[in-house]
Amino acid sequence: MIGCMSCWIRCTMDPDLRTGQPVEVDLVPATAGERAVLWSMMREELADQFERITQVLGLSWEEFEAHYATRGEACTLRRGGEVAGYCWIELRERELHLHAIMVLPGQRGRGIGSAALRRLEAEFRDHADVIELGVSHDNPRARSLYERVGFVVVTTLHDVGYDIMRKPLTEVPLA
């Protein structure tokens, strides 16, 4: 198995925007309790968009929850041993799909999201050709982060108000 479930990943890359100091972030397998916290954060984040998203996916909330429980890997982002956030990833053949990355509100602006994305890129470079994610039109801060680390919009889902963004890990074209 590849990713945070098979190893403990530490990365020191981007500086904390508040202190200018390098950020060390560990990605570790999420415990059952941490998976529950990530699920709760996703439910809260998606509350306003849930109906549109499940309609497009053709899933009920319960089916989406079962999807979360059985697909991919949940990781905890730790900084200095403390939980800083979570991510949910799934390797689909040669594509790494980032279902969610959630940095805790008090940890935002500290380079944690950037460091985690760069670490996932380095970790999966030999196993995936591209990283793909969806970003809500209502979340310009996240979109800015993704663009800053090299993601580009490849599709717009107007029905749900999301853009699909991709970042190649090889020289293979995005489409």
C-alpha atoms as a PDB file:
ATOM      1  CA  MET A   1       0.000   0.000   0.000  1.00  0.00           C
ATOM      2  CA  ILE A   2       1.184   3.510  -0.767  1.00  0.00           C
ATOM      3  CA  GLY A   3       0.668   6.773   1.055  1.00  0.00           C
ATOM      4  CA  CYS A   4       0.018   7.765   4.624  1.00  0.00           C
ATOM      5  CA  MET A   5      -1.360   4.330   5.531  1.00  0.00           C
ATOM      6  CA  SER A   6       1.928   2.622   4.754  1.00  0.00           C
ATOM      7  CA  CYS A   7       4.396   5.123   6.102  1.00  0.00           C
ATOM      8  CA  TRP A   8       4.838   8.145   8.227  1.00  0.00           C
ATOM      9  CA  ILE A   9       5.654  11.136   6.012  1.00  0.00           C
ATOM     10  CA  ARG A  10       7.474  14.238   7.250  1.00  0.00           C
ATOM     11  CA  CYS A  11       7.954  17.257   5.091  1.00  0.00           C
ATOM     12  CA  THR A  12       9.642  20.575   5.686  1.00  0.00           C
ATOM     13  CA  MET A  13       8.985  22.885   2.789  1.00  0.00           C
ATOM     14  CA  ASP A  14       6.995  26.073   2.909  1.00  0.00           C
ATOM     15  CA  PRO A  15       7.421  28.768   5.550  1.00  0.00           C
ATOM     16  CA  ASP A  16       4.798  29.635   8.121  1.00  0.00           C
ATOM     17  CA  LEU A  17       3.235  32.833   6.749  1.00  0.00           C
ATOM     18  CA  ARG A  18       2.993  34.195  10.299  1.00  0.00           C
ATOM     19  CA  THR A  19       6.562  33.497  11.433  1.00  0.00           C
ATOM     20  CA  GLY A  20       8.538  32.929   8.216  1.00  0.00           C
ATOM     21  CA  GLN A  21       9.942  29.716   9.708  1.00  0.00           C
ATOM     22  CA  PRO A  22       9.972  26.424   7.742  1.00  0.00           C
ATOM     23  CA  VAL A  23       6.959  24.215   8.367  1.00  0.00           C
ATOM     24  CA  GLU A  24       7.339  20.588   9.393  1.00  0.00           C
ATOM     25  CA  VAL A  25       4.205  18.575   8.741  1.00  0.00           C
ATOM     26  CA  ASP A  26       3.772  14.873   9.365  1.00  0.00           C
ATOM     27  CA  LEU A  27       1.114  12.914   7.458  1.00  0.00           C
ATOM     28  CA  VAL A  28       0.137   9.875   9.493  1.00  0.00           C
ATOM     29  CA  PRO A  29      -2.663   7.332   9.179  1.00  0.00           C
ATOM     30  CA  ALA A  30      -5.835   8.727  10.747  1.00  0.00           C
ATOM     31  CA  THR A  31      -7.266   6.885  13.720  1.00  0.00           C
ATOM     32  CA  ALA A  32     -10.946   5.970  13.734  1.00  0.00           C
ATOM     33  CA  GLY A  33     -11.621   9.032  15.893  1.00  0.00           C
ATOM     34  CA  GLU A  34      -9.672  11.300  13.534  1.00  0.00           C
ATOM     35  CA  ARG A  35     -11.563   9.879  10.542  1.00  0.00           C
ATOM     36  CA  ALA A  36     -14.774  10.814  12.357  1.00  0.00           C
ATOM     37  CA  VAL A  37     -13.507  14.363  12.922  1.00  0.00           C
ATOM     38  CA  LEU A  38     -12.586  14.699   9.225  1.00  0.00           C
ATOM     39  CA  TRP A  39     -16.044  13.409   8.261  1.00  0.00           C
ATOM     40  CA  SER A  40     -17.647  15.952  10.580  1.00  0.00           C
ATOM     41  CA  MET A  41     -15.530  18.772   9.108  1.00  0.00           C
ATOM     42  CA  MET A  42     -16.467  17.709   5.574  1.00  0.00           C
ATOM     43  CA  ARG A  43     -20.179  17.590   6.470  1.00  0.00           C
ATOM     44  CA  GLU A  44     -19.954  21.093   7.901  1.00  0.00           C
ATOM     45  CA  GLU A  45     -17.965  22.408   4.927  1.00  0.00           C
ATOM     46  CA  LEU A  46     -20.318  20.825   2.388  1.00  0.00           C
ATOM     47  CA  ALA A  47     -23.584  21.586   4.201  1.00  0.00           C
ATOM     48  CA  ASP A  48     -24.668  24.335   1.801  1.00  0.00           C
ATOM     49  CA  GLN A  49     -23.623  22.346  -1.264  1.00  0.00           C
ATOM     50  CA  PHE A  50     -24.612  18.844  -0.238  1.00  0.00           C
ATOM     51  CA  GLU A  51     -27.870  18.560  -2.137  1.00  0.00           C
ATOM     52  CA  ARG A  52     -26.309  19.679  -5.428  1.00  0.00           C
ATOM     53  CA  ILE A  53     -23.253  17.444  -4.975  1.00  0.00           C
ATOM     54  CA  THR A  54     -25.177  14.277  -4.094  1.00  0.00           C
ATOM     55  CA  GLN A  55     -27.571  14.883  -6.981  1.00  0.00           C
ATOM     56  CA  VAL A  56     -24.682  15.061  -9.451  1.00  0.00           C
ATOM     57  CA  LEU A  57     -22.987  12.034  -7.863  1.00  0.00           C
ATOM     58  CA  GLY A  58     -26.269  10.142  -7.628  1.00  0.00           C
ATOM     59  CA  LEU A  59     -25.630   9.326  -3.963  1.00  0.00           C
ATOM     60  CA  SER A  60     -27.578   9.836  -0.758  1.00  0.00           C
ATOM     61  CA  TRP A  61     -25.747  11.217   2.282  1.00  0.00           C
ATOM     62  CA  GLU A  62     -25.585   7.681   3.710  1.00  0.00           C
ATOM     63  CA  GLU A  63     -24.117   6.330   0.454  1.00  0.00           C
ATOM     64  CA  PHE A  64     -21.575   9.145   0.394  1.00  0.00           C
ATOM     65  CA  GLU A  65     -20.617   8.308   3.981  1.00  0.00           C
ATOM     66  CA  ALA A  66     -20.181   4.634   3.013  1.00  0.00           C
ATOM     67  CA  HIS A  67     -18.032   5.790   0.086  1.00  0.00           C
ATOM     68  CA  TYR A  68     -15.841   7.739   2.537  1.00  0.00           C
ATOM     69  CA  ALA A  69     -15.556   4.737   4.850  1.00  0.00           C
ATOM     70  CA  THR A  70     -14.467   2.324   2.126  1.00  0.00           C
ATOM     71  CA  ARG A  71     -12.473   4.317  -0.459  1.00  0.00           C
ATOM     72  CA  GLY A  72      -8.986   5.709  -0.181  1.00  0.00           C
ATOM     73  CA  GLU A  73      -7.042   6.675   2.897  1.00  0.00           C
ATOM     74  CA  ALA A  74      -7.597   9.300   5.573  1.00  0.00           C
ATOM     75  CA  CYS A  75      -4.472  10.966   6.932  1.00  0.00           C
ATOM     76  CA  THR A  76      -3.898  13.290   9.841  1.00  0.00           C
ATOM     77  CA  LEU A  77      -1.690  16.329   9.315  1.00  0.00           C
ATOM     78  CA  ARG A  78       0.423  16.935  12.413  1.00  0.00           C
ATOM     79  CA  ARG A  79       2.621  19.900  13.194  1.00  0.00           C
ATOM     80  CA  GLY A  80       4.833  19.643  16.239  1.00  0.00           C
ATOM     81  CA  GLY A  81       2.922  16.533  17.295  1.00  0.00           C
ATOM     82  CA  GLU A  82      -0.392  18.413  17.347  1.00  0.00           C
ATOM     83  CA  VAL A  83      -3.234  17.792  14.900  1.00  0.00           C
ATOM     84  CA  ALA A  84      -3.229  20.555  12.275  1.00  0.00           C
ATOM     85  CA  GLY A  85      -5.704  19.042   9.815  1.00  0.00           C
ATOM     86  CA  TYR A  86      -6.694  16.038   7.740  1.00  0.00           C
ATOM     87  CA  CYS A  87      -6.789  14.782   4.182  1.00  0.00           C
ATOM     88  CA  TRP A  88      -8.589  12.031   2.293  1.00  0.00           C
ATOM     89  CA  ILE A  89      -6.800  10.599  -0.734  1.00  0.00           C
ATOM     90  CA  GLU A  90      -7.481   7.804  -3.191  1.00  0.00           C
ATOM     91  CA  LEU A  91      -5.089   6.316  -5.739  1.00  0.00           C
ATOM     92  CA  ARG A  92      -7.052   5.408  -8.878  1.00  0.00           C
ATOM     93  CA  GLU A  93      -4.670   3.578 -11.169  1.00  0.00           C
ATOM     94  CA  ARG A  94      -2.194   6.360 -12.116  1.00  0.00           C
ATOM     95  CA  GLU A  95      -4.260   9.241 -10.677  1.00  0.00           C
ATOM     96  CA  LEU A  96      -4.154  10.445  -7.088  1.00  0.00           C
ATOM     97  CA  HIS A  97      -7.512  11.980  -6.200  1.00  0.00           C
ATOM     98  CA  LEU A  98      -7.516  14.365  -3.255  1.00  0.00           C
ATOM     99  CA  HIS A  99     -11.077  14.092  -1.975  1.00  0.00           C
ATOM    100  CA  ALA A 100     -10.474  16.542   0.864  1.00  0.00           C
ATOM    101  CA  ILE A 101      -7.804  18.511   2.638  1.00  0.00           C
ATOM    102  CA  MET A 102      -8.985  20.281   5.763  1.00  0.00           C
ATOM    103  CA  VAL A 103      -6.627  22.440   7.803  1.00  0.00           C
ATOM    104  CA  LEU A 104      -7.953  23.373  11.233  1.00  0.00           C
ATOM    105  CA  PRO A 105      -9.006  27.041  11.427  1.00  0.00           C
ATOM    106  CA  GLY A 106      -6.316  27.977  13.977  1.00  0.00           C
ATOM    107  CA  GLN A 107      -3.623  26.397  11.783  1.00  0.00           C
ATOM    108  CA  ARG A 108      -4.485  28.132   8.498  1.00  0.00           C
ATOM    109  CA  GLY A 109      -1.977  30.504   6.914  1.00  0.00           C
ATOM    110  CA  ARG A 110       0.978  28.557   8.295  1.00  0.00           C
ATOM    111  CA  GLY A 111       2.010  26.662   5.156  1.00  0.00           C
ATOM    112  CA  ILE A 112       0.494  23.372   6.304  1.00  0.00           C
ATOM    113  CA  GLY A 113      -1.704  22.877   3.229  1.00  0.00           C
ATOM    114  CA  SER A 114       1.148  23.722   0.852  1.00  0.00           C
ATOM    115  CA  ALA A 115       3.560  21.423   2.655  1.00  0.00           C
ATOM    116  CA  ALA A 116       1.039  18.561   2.658  1.00  0.00           C
ATOM    117  CA  LEU A 117       0.312  18.972  -1.071  1.00  0.00           C
ATOM    118  CA  ARG A 118       4.004  19.063  -1.953  1.00  0.00           C
ATOM    119  CA  ARG A 119       4.652  15.987   0.188  1.00  0.00           C
ATOM    120  CA  LEU A 120       1.832  14.057  -1.468  1.00  0.00           C
ATOM    121  CA  GLU A 121       3.282  15.052  -4.841  1.00  0.00           C
ATOM    122  CA  ALA A 122       6.742  13.776  -3.878  1.00  0.00           C
ATOM    123  CA  GLU A 123       5.368  10.595  -2.302  1.00  0.00           C
ATOM    124  CA  PHE A 124       3.167   9.655  -5.273  1.00  0.00           C
ATOM    125  CA  ARG A 125       5.382  10.776  -8.171  1.00  0.00           C
ATOM    126  CA  ASP A 126       6.360   7.161  -8.957  1.00  0.00           C
ATOM    127  CA  HIS A 127       2.785   5.863  -8.600  1.00  0.00           C
ATOM    128  CA  ALA A 128       0.613   8.528 -10.243  1.00  0.00           C
ATOM    129  CA  ASP A 129       0.803  10.724 -13.324  1.00  0.00           C
ATOM    130  CA  VAL A 130      -1.473  13.423 -11.930  1.00  0.00           C
ATOM    131  CA  ILE A 131      -3.097  14.723  -8.752  1.00  0.00           C
ATOM    132  CA  GLU A 132      -6.733  15.740  -9.173  1.00  0.00           C
ATOM    133  CA  LEU A 133      -9.061  17.609  -6.827  1.00  0.00           C
ATOM    134  CA  GLY A 134     -12.262  19.611  -6.838  1.00  0.00           C
ATOM    135  CA  VAL A 135     -12.523  23.110  -5.404  1.00  0.00           C
ATOM    136  CA  SER A 136     -15.701  25.046  -4.689  1.00  0.00           C
ATOM    137  CA  HIS A 137     -16.252  28.389  -6.366  1.00  0.00           C
ATOM    138  CA  ASP A 138     -17.059  29.585  -2.822  1.00  0.00           C
ATOM    139  CA  ASN A 139     -13.509  28.850  -1.627  1.00  0.00           C
ATOM    140  CA  PRO A 140     -11.117  31.304  -3.321  1.00  0.00           C
ATOM    141  CA  ARG A 141      -8.475  30.830  -0.615  1.00  0.00           C
ATOM    142  CA  ALA A 142      -8.178  27.111  -1.377  1.00  0.00           C
ATOM    143  CA  ARG A 143      -8.172  27.750  -5.121  1.00  0.00           C
ATOM    144  CA  SER A 144      -5.345  30.263  -4.672  1.00  0.00           C
ATOM    145  CA  LEU A 145      -3.342  27.681  -2.728  1.00  0.00           C
ATOM    146  CA  TYR A 146      -3.846  25.050  -5.420  1.00  0.00           C
ATOM    147  CA  GLU A 147      -2.840  27.462  -8.197  1.00  0.00           C
ATOM    148  CA  ARG A 148       0.219  28.557  -6.204  1.00  0.00           C
ATOM    149  CA  VAL A 149       1.493  24.960  -6.058  1.00  0.00           C
ATOM    150  CA  GLY A 150       0.818  24.306  -9.761  1.00  0.00           C
ATOM    151  CA  PHE A 151      -2.756  23.025 -10.144  1.00  0.00           C
ATOM    152  CA  VAL A 152      -4.788  24.218 -13.148  1.00  0.00           C
ATOM    153  CA  VAL A 153      -8.512  24.073 -13.876  1.00  0.00           C
ATOM    154  CA  VAL A 154      -9.348  21.381 -16.433  1.00  0.00           C
ATOM    155  CA  THR A 155     -13.151  21.228 -16.040  1.00  0.00           C
ATOM    156  CA  THR A 156     -15.854  23.406 -14.523  1.00  0.00           C
ATOM    157  CA  LEU A 157     -18.915  21.741 -13.011  1.00  0.00           C
ATOM    158  CA  HIS A 158     -21.399  24.599 -13.148  1.00  0.00           C
ATOM    159  CA  ASP A 159     -24.218  22.474 -11.662  1.00  0.00           C
ATOM    160  CA  VAL A 160     -22.373  22.118  -8.347  1.00  0.00           C
ATOM    161  CA  GLY A 161     -20.186  25.225  -8.434  1.00  0.00           C
ATOM    162  CA  TYR A 162     -16.885  23.350  -8.515  1.00  0.00           C
ATOM    163  CA  ASP A 163     -13.771  23.379 -10.645  1.00  0.00           C
ATOM    164  CA  ILE A 164     -11.776  20.207 -11.209  1.00  0.00           C
ATOM    165  CA  MET A 165      -8.086  21.004 -10.961  1.00  0.00           C
ATOM    166  CA  ARG A 166      -5.133  18.837 -11.887  1.00  0.00           C
ATOM    167  CA  LYS A 167      -1.410  18.921 -11.426  1.00  0.00           C
ATOM    168  CA  PRO A 168       0.723  16.654 -13.592  1.00  0.00           C
ATOM    169  CA  LEU A 169       3.420  14.642 -11.843  1.00  0.00           C
ATOM    170  CA  THR A 170       4.971  13.615 -15.159  1.00  0.00           C
ATOM    171  CA  GLU A 171       5.325  15.179 -18.586  1.00  0.00           C
ATOM    172  CA  VAL A 172       2.030  13.560 -19.701  1.00  0.00           C
ATOM    173  CA  PRO A 173      -0.568  16.180 -20.800  1.00  0.00           C
ATOM    174  CA  LEU A 174      -3.381  17.006 -18.332  1.00  0.00           C
ATOM    175  CA  ALA A 175      -6.371  16.095 -20.521  1.00  0.00           C
END
